[in-house]
Amino acid sequence: MHTAIENFIRWRIRQLAGLLCKIIPPRPGKQTVRKILCLISGGLGDRLMALPALRELKKQYPQATMTVAWMHGSLDIVDQEFHAVVNNAACRIVQIFQIALRNQDIVYVNIVGIFNVFSELLVSLSRAPVRIGPAPHDSVYTKRIYTDICDIKPGLHSTAINLAFTESGRFLSPVPYPVSVPKHRKRKKSIGIHPGVKTGYEMKQWPVGSFLSLARRLDSPDIEIVIIAGPDEPDTVGALFAGHAFSVLIPHSITDLFTEIASLDLLIANDSGPAHVAAATHTPVIVLFGPTDPQKVAPVFEKGEIITAGCECSPCFDTANECKNSHRCMNEIQVEKVLKSVTRMVS
């Protein structure tokens, strides 16, 4: 019931944004693009998968001033790449509205913006001559909002869809999003385990008991096991692994998370932000997938493996309804299967 009401409200706001674009014409375009506003929705992984598109816009319009609004959270490790950054923009309504109304020449929205009608309303009110964003094939109102549509084509990775505004959509394969960070020297081989997920996405989580069993089997005098908590997770990871001989790391910032993951020899994680951080920092990674589709949202890694249970119902990415199959897609991933993957990766 709650989800149905949310969907109705989202549809009404999207309808309003589409009508505004029809009633209020955009400002005339300029020969030179001077201002670009990028509205980036989603979690840490979504922000990283938007980086190639932001960098491409910067490359295409080097003379323009680019403002990046991270709608939910931040990505301070790359702030220096852009002229201005607004963190948690969805909570700074007045500030982000003021920026949107400052004669922006281009407004860009990443693929996750299809779930963020606030971004679509900002795009409509900006009256920008060029408005780039995602639109499902059956969305009439969304297609009114944007002048340049990033088609959500089946089988394309999110990084490629985010880049669909480029000439002839030349990015058809997953695009990496490297981030350079310093690494700590460690005295012995270190394996990181990220057992958590963002609140509300528990269906993507491998059972914590399985992670604990894996950590125990990997623990040895030559290997340091590091349990890592992500930035958008409840403070339960440390408590779950308390009493065991593992290091528990709860980073205080996004930069801390990047630095620590970059210093690992391997990360094992759910489909989550830290898995994408490993890909960005060239850290080998093993990612456990269930309801989400690795073809669309897998970390674009240099060295890594994707593990699934191979269930016929996966991927479904159904976050609105209770799973009818008891979360088999995650629960049936065997510890032994992950252990074999770890052995291949660290050898």
Protein backbone atom coordinates (compact mmCIF):
# COMPACT_ATOMS: atom_id res chain seq x y z
CA MET A 1 0.00 0.00 0.00
CA HIS A 2 2.81 2.36 0.97
CA THR A 3 4.64 1.68 -2.31
CA ALA A 4 1.46 2.20 -4.34
CA ILE A 5 0.96 5.64 -2.78
CA GLU A 6 4.62 6.53 -3.41
CA ASN A 7 4.31 5.49 -7.06
CA PHE A 8 1.14 7.55 -7.47
CA ILE A 9 2.82 10.65 -6.00
CA ARG A 10 5.90 10.06 -8.17
CA TRP A 11 3.73 9.77 -11.29
CA ARG A 12 1.84 12.99 -10.44
CA ILE A 13 5.05 14.98 -9.90
CA ARG A 14 6.48 13.57 -13.13
CA GLN A 15 3.28 14.59 -14.90
CA LEU A 16 3.65 18.11 -13.46
CA ALA A 17 7.30 18.32 -14.55
CA GLY A 18 6.34 17.22 -18.08
CA LEU A 19 3.54 19.79 -18.27
CA LEU A 20 5.88 22.55 -17.04
CA CYS A 21 8.28 21.77 -19.89
CA LYS A 22 5.37 22.00 -22.32
CA ILE A 23 3.97 25.26 -20.90
CA ILE A 24 7.22 27.08 -20.05
CA PRO A 25 9.54 27.04 -23.07
CA PRO A 26 13.28 26.57 -22.54
CA ARG A 27 15.63 29.52 -22.83
CA PRO A 28 17.30 30.00 -26.22
CA GLY A 29 20.52 28.06 -26.55
CA LYS A 30 23.91 29.79 -26.59
CA GLN A 31 26.72 29.21 -29.00
CA THR A 32 29.09 28.61 -26.08
CA VAL A 33 28.18 26.38 -23.14
CA ARG A 34 29.19 28.17 -19.95
CA LYS A 35 27.24 26.46 -17.16
CA ILE A 36 26.50 22.77 -16.56
CA LEU A 37 24.52 21.36 -13.66
CA CYS A 38 24.67 17.60 -12.98
CA LEU A 39 22.06 16.03 -10.69
CA ILE A 40 23.40 12.64 -9.59
CA SER A 41 21.04 10.34 -7.68
CA GLY A 42 21.61 7.01 -6.00
CA GLY A 43 24.04 5.37 -3.62
CA LEU A 44 27.83 5.26 -3.67
CA GLY A 45 27.97 2.76 -6.55
CA ASP A 46 25.56 4.85 -8.63
CA ARG A 47 27.69 7.95 -8.06
CA LEU A 48 30.79 6.12 -9.22
CA MET A 49 29.01 4.75 -12.30
CA ALA A 50 28.06 8.34 -13.20
CA LEU A 51 31.71 9.47 -13.14
CA PRO A 52 32.51 8.53 -16.77
CA ALA A 53 29.59 10.68 -17.97
CA LEU A 54 30.64 13.64 -15.80
CA ARG A 55 34.20 13.38 -17.07
CA GLU A 56 32.97 13.18 -20.67
CA LEU A 57 30.85 16.34 -20.23
CA LYS A 58 33.87 18.10 -18.77
CA LYS A 59 35.97 16.94 -21.72
CA GLN A 60 33.38 18.07 -24.29
CA TYR A 61 32.91 21.49 -22.66
CA PRO A 62 36.26 22.40 -21.05
CA GLN A 63 35.35 26.10 -20.88
CA ALA A 64 32.15 25.50 -18.91
CA THR A 65 31.70 25.77 -15.15
CA MET A 66 30.39 22.41 -13.91
CA THR A 67 28.40 22.03 -10.69
CA VAL A 68 27.81 18.49 -9.46
CA ALA A 69 24.94 17.94 -7.04
CA TRP A 70 25.18 14.57 -5.29
CA MET A 71 21.49 14.20 -4.45
CA HIS A 72 22.01 11.62 -1.69
CA GLY A 73 25.40 11.59 -0.01
CA SER A 74 28.77 12.69 -1.35
CA LEU A 75 31.85 11.60 -3.26
CA ASP A 76 34.49 13.86 -1.75
CA ILE A 77 37.38 11.84 -3.18
CA VAL A 78 36.70 13.39 -6.64
CA ASP A 79 35.44 16.84 -5.61
CA GLN A 80 38.58 18.49 -6.97
CA GLU A 81 37.64 17.42 -10.51
CA PHE A 82 34.69 19.84 -10.61
CA HIS A 83 34.22 23.58 -10.14
CA ALA A 84 31.52 23.25 -7.47
CA VAL A 85 29.91 20.41 -5.53
CA VAL A 86 26.72 20.20 -3.46
CA ASN A 87 26.50 17.24 -1.09
CA ASN A 88 23.16 15.77 0.00
CA ALA A 89 21.47 18.16 -2.42
CA ALA A 90 18.03 16.59 -1.88
CA CYS A 91 18.18 17.96 1.68
CA ARG A 92 19.26 21.44 0.51
CA ILE A 93 16.18 22.32 -1.49
CA VAL A 94 16.57 26.11 -1.50
CA GLN A 95 20.25 25.99 -2.49
CA ILE A 96 19.79 23.51 -5.31
CA PHE A 97 16.74 25.36 -6.68
CA GLN A 98 18.76 28.58 -6.74
CA ILE A 99 21.56 26.87 -8.66
CA ALA A 100 19.11 25.27 -11.13
CA LEU A 101 17.60 28.68 -11.89
CA ARG A 102 20.96 30.38 -12.61
CA ASN A 103 20.76 30.17 -16.41
CA GLN A 104 22.25 26.70 -16.75
CA ASP A 105 23.10 25.80 -20.36
CA ILE A 106 23.05 22.04 -19.75
CA VAL A 107 21.37 20.05 -17.00
CA TYR A 108 22.33 16.38 -16.75
CA VAL A 109 20.63 13.57 -14.78
CA ASN A 110 22.09 10.06 -14.37
CA ILE A 111 20.13 6.83 -14.93
CA VAL A 112 18.99 6.55 -11.30
CA GLY A 113 17.20 9.86 -11.82
CA ILE A 114 14.23 7.87 -13.17
CA PHE A 115 13.43 7.17 -9.51
CA ASN A 116 13.96 10.79 -8.42
CA VAL A 117 11.11 13.06 -9.49
CA PHE A 118 12.68 15.92 -7.53
CA SER A 119 15.52 15.92 -10.09
CA GLU A 120 12.98 15.94 -12.94
CA LEU A 121 11.20 18.92 -11.37
CA LEU A 122 14.52 20.76 -11.10
CA VAL A 123 15.25 20.02 -14.76
CA SER A 124 11.86 21.40 -15.81
CA LEU A 125 12.21 24.61 -13.79
CA SER A 126 15.78 25.23 -14.96
CA ARG A 127 14.53 25.96 -18.51
CA ALA A 128 17.98 24.85 -19.70
CA PRO A 129 18.27 24.69 -23.52
CA VAL A 130 19.87 21.22 -23.23
CA ARG A 131 18.44 18.74 -20.72
CA ILE A 132 19.99 15.28 -20.70
CA GLY A 133 18.47 12.40 -18.79
CA PRO A 134 17.07 8.85 -18.72
CA ALA A 135 13.63 7.89 -19.96
CA PRO A 136 11.88 4.53 -20.18
CA HIS A 137 10.39 3.86 -23.60
CA ASP A 138 6.82 4.14 -22.30
CA SER A 139 7.21 7.40 -20.36
CA VAL A 140 5.57 10.25 -22.29
CA TYR A 141 6.05 12.81 -19.53
CA THR A 142 9.73 11.99 -18.96
CA LYS A 143 10.41 12.41 -22.67
CA ARG A 144 8.90 15.89 -22.47
CA ILE A 145 11.32 16.82 -19.72
CA TYR A 146 14.54 16.00 -21.58
CA THR A 147 15.82 17.28 -24.92
CA ASP A 148 18.47 14.54 -25.11
CA ILE A 149 17.32 11.15 -23.87
CA CYS A 150 19.58 8.42 -22.52
CA ASP A 151 17.59 5.36 -23.59
CA ILE A 152 17.46 2.60 -21.00
CA LYS A 153 18.22 -0.23 -23.40
CA PRO A 154 18.10 -3.85 -22.20
CA GLY A 155 21.52 -5.39 -21.68
CA LEU A 156 23.45 -2.12 -21.45
CA HIS A 157 25.53 -1.38 -18.38
CA SER A 158 24.58 1.70 -16.34
CA THR A 159 27.86 3.44 -17.23
CA ALA A 160 27.03 3.10 -20.94
CA ILE A 161 23.45 4.35 -20.47
CA ASN A 162 24.76 7.35 -18.54
CA LEU A 163 26.95 8.11 -21.57
CA ALA A 164 24.21 7.68 -24.19
CA PHE A 165 24.24 11.43 -24.91
CA THR A 166 27.58 11.13 -26.71
CA GLU A 167 27.84 11.05 -30.50
CA SER A 168 26.15 7.92 -31.85
CA GLY A 169 26.15 6.50 -28.30
CA ARG A 170 29.64 5.15 -28.88
CA PHE A 171 29.94 3.70 -25.39
CA LEU A 172 28.28 0.28 -25.63
CA SER A 173 30.43 -1.63 -23.14
CA PRO A 174 30.88 -1.02 -19.41
CA VAL A 175 33.13 2.00 -18.82
CA PRO A 176 35.64 2.04 -15.92
CA TYR A 177 35.70 4.87 -13.38
CA PRO A 178 39.23 4.92 -11.94
CA VAL A 179 39.99 6.97 -8.85
CA SER A 180 43.57 7.52 -7.72
CA VAL A 181 44.17 7.23 -3.96
CA PRO A 182 47.23 6.56 -1.77
CA LYS A 183 47.64 3.05 -0.40
CA HIS A 184 48.83 1.91 3.03
CA ARG A 185 51.61 -0.62 3.10
CA LYS A 186 50.56 -3.75 5.02
CA ARG A 187 52.89 -6.29 6.58
CA LYS A 188 50.91 -9.30 5.35
CA LYS A 189 48.24 -10.14 2.82
CA SER A 190 44.92 -8.51 3.70
CA ILE A 191 41.44 -9.64 2.63
CA GLY A 192 38.52 -7.31 3.20
CA ILE A 193 34.98 -8.55 3.77
CA HIS A 194 32.03 -6.21 3.37
CA PRO A 195 29.01 -8.10 4.75
CA GLY A 196 26.54 -5.18 4.90
CA VAL A 197 24.15 -3.38 2.56
CA LYS A 198 22.39 -0.04 2.58
CA THR A 199 19.23 0.04 4.68
CA GLY A 200 16.28 -1.02 2.55
CA TYR A 201 18.36 -3.31 0.31
CA GLU A 202 18.67 -6.31 2.60
CA MET A 203 17.53 -8.56 -0.26
CA LYS A 204 21.04 -8.08 -1.76
CA GLN A 205 22.79 -9.38 1.35
CA TRP A 206 24.49 -12.75 1.63
CA PRO A 207 23.71 -14.16 5.11
CA VAL A 208 26.05 -12.71 7.73
CA GLY A 209 26.56 -16.23 9.08
CA SER A 210 27.98 -17.24 5.70
CA PHE A 211 30.36 -14.26 5.75
CA LEU A 212 31.44 -15.22 9.27
CA SER A 213 32.04 -18.84 8.24
CA LEU A 214 34.07 -17.64 5.25
CA ALA A 215 36.16 -15.30 7.42
CA ARG A 216 36.94 -18.11 9.88
CA ARG A 217 38.09 -20.42 7.09
CA LEU A 218 40.27 -17.72 5.54
CA ASP A 219 41.85 -16.61 8.81
CA SER A 220 45.51 -17.63 9.11
CA PRO A 221 48.79 -16.24 10.45
CA ASP A 222 49.68 -15.04 6.94
CA ILE A 223 46.38 -13.28 6.20
CA GLU A 224 44.71 -10.34 7.91
CA ILE A 225 40.90 -10.38 7.70
CA VAL A 226 39.38 -6.88 7.70
CA ILE A 227 35.62 -6.49 8.21
CA ILE A 228 34.46 -3.28 6.51
CA ALA A 229 31.30 -1.26 7.08
CA GLY A 230 29.94 0.89 4.27
CA PRO A 231 29.00 4.59 4.63
CA ASP A 232 25.21 4.17 4.33
CA GLU A 233 24.74 1.19 6.64
CA PRO A 234 23.50 0.83 10.21
CA ASP A 235 26.23 0.45 12.84
CA THR A 236 25.70 -3.28 13.24
CA VAL A 237 28.65 -4.76 11.35
CA GLY A 238 31.11 -4.33 14.21
CA ALA A 239 28.69 -5.82 16.71
CA LEU A 240 28.02 -8.88 14.54
CA PHE A 241 31.73 -9.71 14.31
CA ALA A 242 32.65 -8.68 17.87
CA GLY A 243 34.49 -11.33 19.82
CA HIS A 244 36.24 -12.71 16.75
CA ALA A 245 39.90 -12.20 15.87
CA PHE A 246 39.22 -9.89 12.92
CA SER A 247 39.92 -6.21 12.39
CA VAL A 248 36.68 -4.20 12.12
CA LEU A 249 36.91 -1.00 10.08
CA ILE A 250 34.20 1.68 10.16
CA PRO A 251 35.44 4.51 7.88
CA HIS A 252 34.67 8.07 8.98
CA SER A 253 34.42 9.41 5.44
CA ILE A 254 34.21 8.37 1.79
CA THR A 255 37.92 9.20 1.43
CA ASP A 256 38.78 6.88 4.34
CA LEU A 257 36.76 4.09 2.72
CA PHE A 258 38.62 4.51 -0.58
CA THR A 259 42.04 4.57 1.10
CA GLU A 260 41.37 1.45 3.15
CA ILE A 261 39.89 -0.57 0.27
CA ALA A 262 42.72 0.51 -2.04
CA SER A 263 45.19 -0.99 0.46
CA LEU A 264 43.59 -4.45 0.42
CA ASP A 265 44.79 -7.41 -1.62
CA LEU A 266 41.18 -8.55 -2.15
CA LEU A 267 37.65 -7.46 -1.23
CA ILE A 268 34.66 -9.81 -0.91
CA ALA A 269 31.34 -7.99 -0.93
CA ASN A 270 27.66 -7.94 -1.74
CA ASP A 271 26.49 -5.85 -4.70
CA SER A 272 27.23 -2.59 -2.89
CA GLY A 273 29.10 0.72 -2.92
CA PRO A 274 32.34 -0.72 -1.46
CA ALA A 275 32.48 -3.26 -4.32
CA HIS A 276 32.46 -0.34 -6.78
CA VAL A 277 35.14 1.40 -4.70
CA ALA A 278 37.33 -1.69 -5.14
CA ALA A 279 36.81 -1.51 -8.90
CA ALA A 280 37.64 2.21 -8.93
CA THR A 281 40.87 1.69 -6.99
CA HIS A 282 41.99 -1.41 -8.97
CA THR A 283 41.59 -3.66 -5.93
CA PRO A 284 40.70 -7.26 -6.87
CA VAL A 285 37.11 -7.95 -5.88
CA ILE A 286 34.63 -10.82 -5.58
CA VAL A 287 31.01 -9.66 -5.76
CA LEU A 288 28.01 -11.74 -4.70
CA PHE A 289 24.93 -11.08 -6.84
CA GLY A 290 21.34 -12.19 -6.35
CA PRO A 291 18.30 -10.04 -7.19
CA THR A 292 20.27 -7.40 -9.12
CA ASP A 293 21.61 -7.81 -12.65
CA PRO A 294 25.43 -7.88 -13.00
CA GLN A 295 25.04 -7.14 -16.71
CA LYS A 296 23.65 -3.72 -15.75
CA VAL A 297 25.24 -2.78 -12.43
CA ALA A 298 28.32 -4.93 -11.81
CA PRO A 299 31.46 -3.07 -10.72
CA VAL A 300 33.68 -2.41 -13.75
CA PHE A 301 36.76 -4.09 -12.36
CA GLU A 302 40.22 -4.80 -13.70
CA LYS A 303 40.49 -8.07 -11.79
CA GLY A 304 37.48 -9.70 -10.19
CA GLU A 305 34.77 -12.34 -10.23
CA ILE A 306 30.99 -12.32 -10.04
CA ILE A 307 29.36 -15.13 -8.04
CA THR A 308 25.67 -16.06 -8.24
CA ALA A 309 23.56 -18.99 -7.08
CA GLY A 310 22.20 -19.45 -10.62
CA CYS A 311 18.53 -19.27 -9.59
CA GLU A 312 16.02 -19.15 -12.43
CA CYS A 313 14.17 -16.22 -10.77
CA SER A 314 17.27 -14.03 -10.67
CA PRO A 315 17.72 -11.19 -11.45
CA CYS A 316 14.41 -9.64 -10.44
CA PHE A 317 15.44 -6.50 -8.48
CA ASP A 318 12.05 -6.56 -6.82
CA THR A 319 12.49 -4.30 -3.78
CA ALA A 320 8.78 -3.59 -3.37
CA ASN A 321 7.46 -7.07 -2.62
CA GLU A 322 8.37 -9.88 -0.27
CA CYS A 323 10.46 -12.54 -2.04
CA LYS A 324 8.35 -15.63 -2.77
CA ASN A 325 11.42 -17.84 -2.99
CA SER A 326 12.92 -17.16 0.47
CA HIS A 327 15.83 -15.18 -1.03
CA ARG A 328 17.28 -18.31 -2.60
CA CYS A 329 19.42 -16.23 -4.96
CA MET A 330 21.56 -15.10 -2.00
CA ASN A 331 21.02 -17.86 0.56
CA GLU A 332 22.05 -20.63 -1.85
CA ILE A 333 25.48 -19.16 -2.64
CA GLN A 334 27.77 -21.70 -0.99
CA VAL A 335 30.70 -20.72 1.22
CA GLU A 336 32.80 -23.35 -0.57
CA LYS A 337 32.14 -21.68 -3.92
CA VAL A 338 33.30 -18.30 -2.61
CA LEU A 339 36.33 -19.90 -0.96
CA LYS A 340 37.42 -21.42 -4.29
CA SER A 341 37.11 -18.02 -5.94
CA VAL A 342 39.24 -16.45 -3.19
CA THR A 343 41.91 -19.13 -3.69
CA ARG A 344 42.04 -18.35 -7.42
CA MET A 345 42.23 -14.60 -6.84
CA VAL A 346 44.92 -14.53 -4.17
CA SER A 347 47.15 -17.13 -5.77
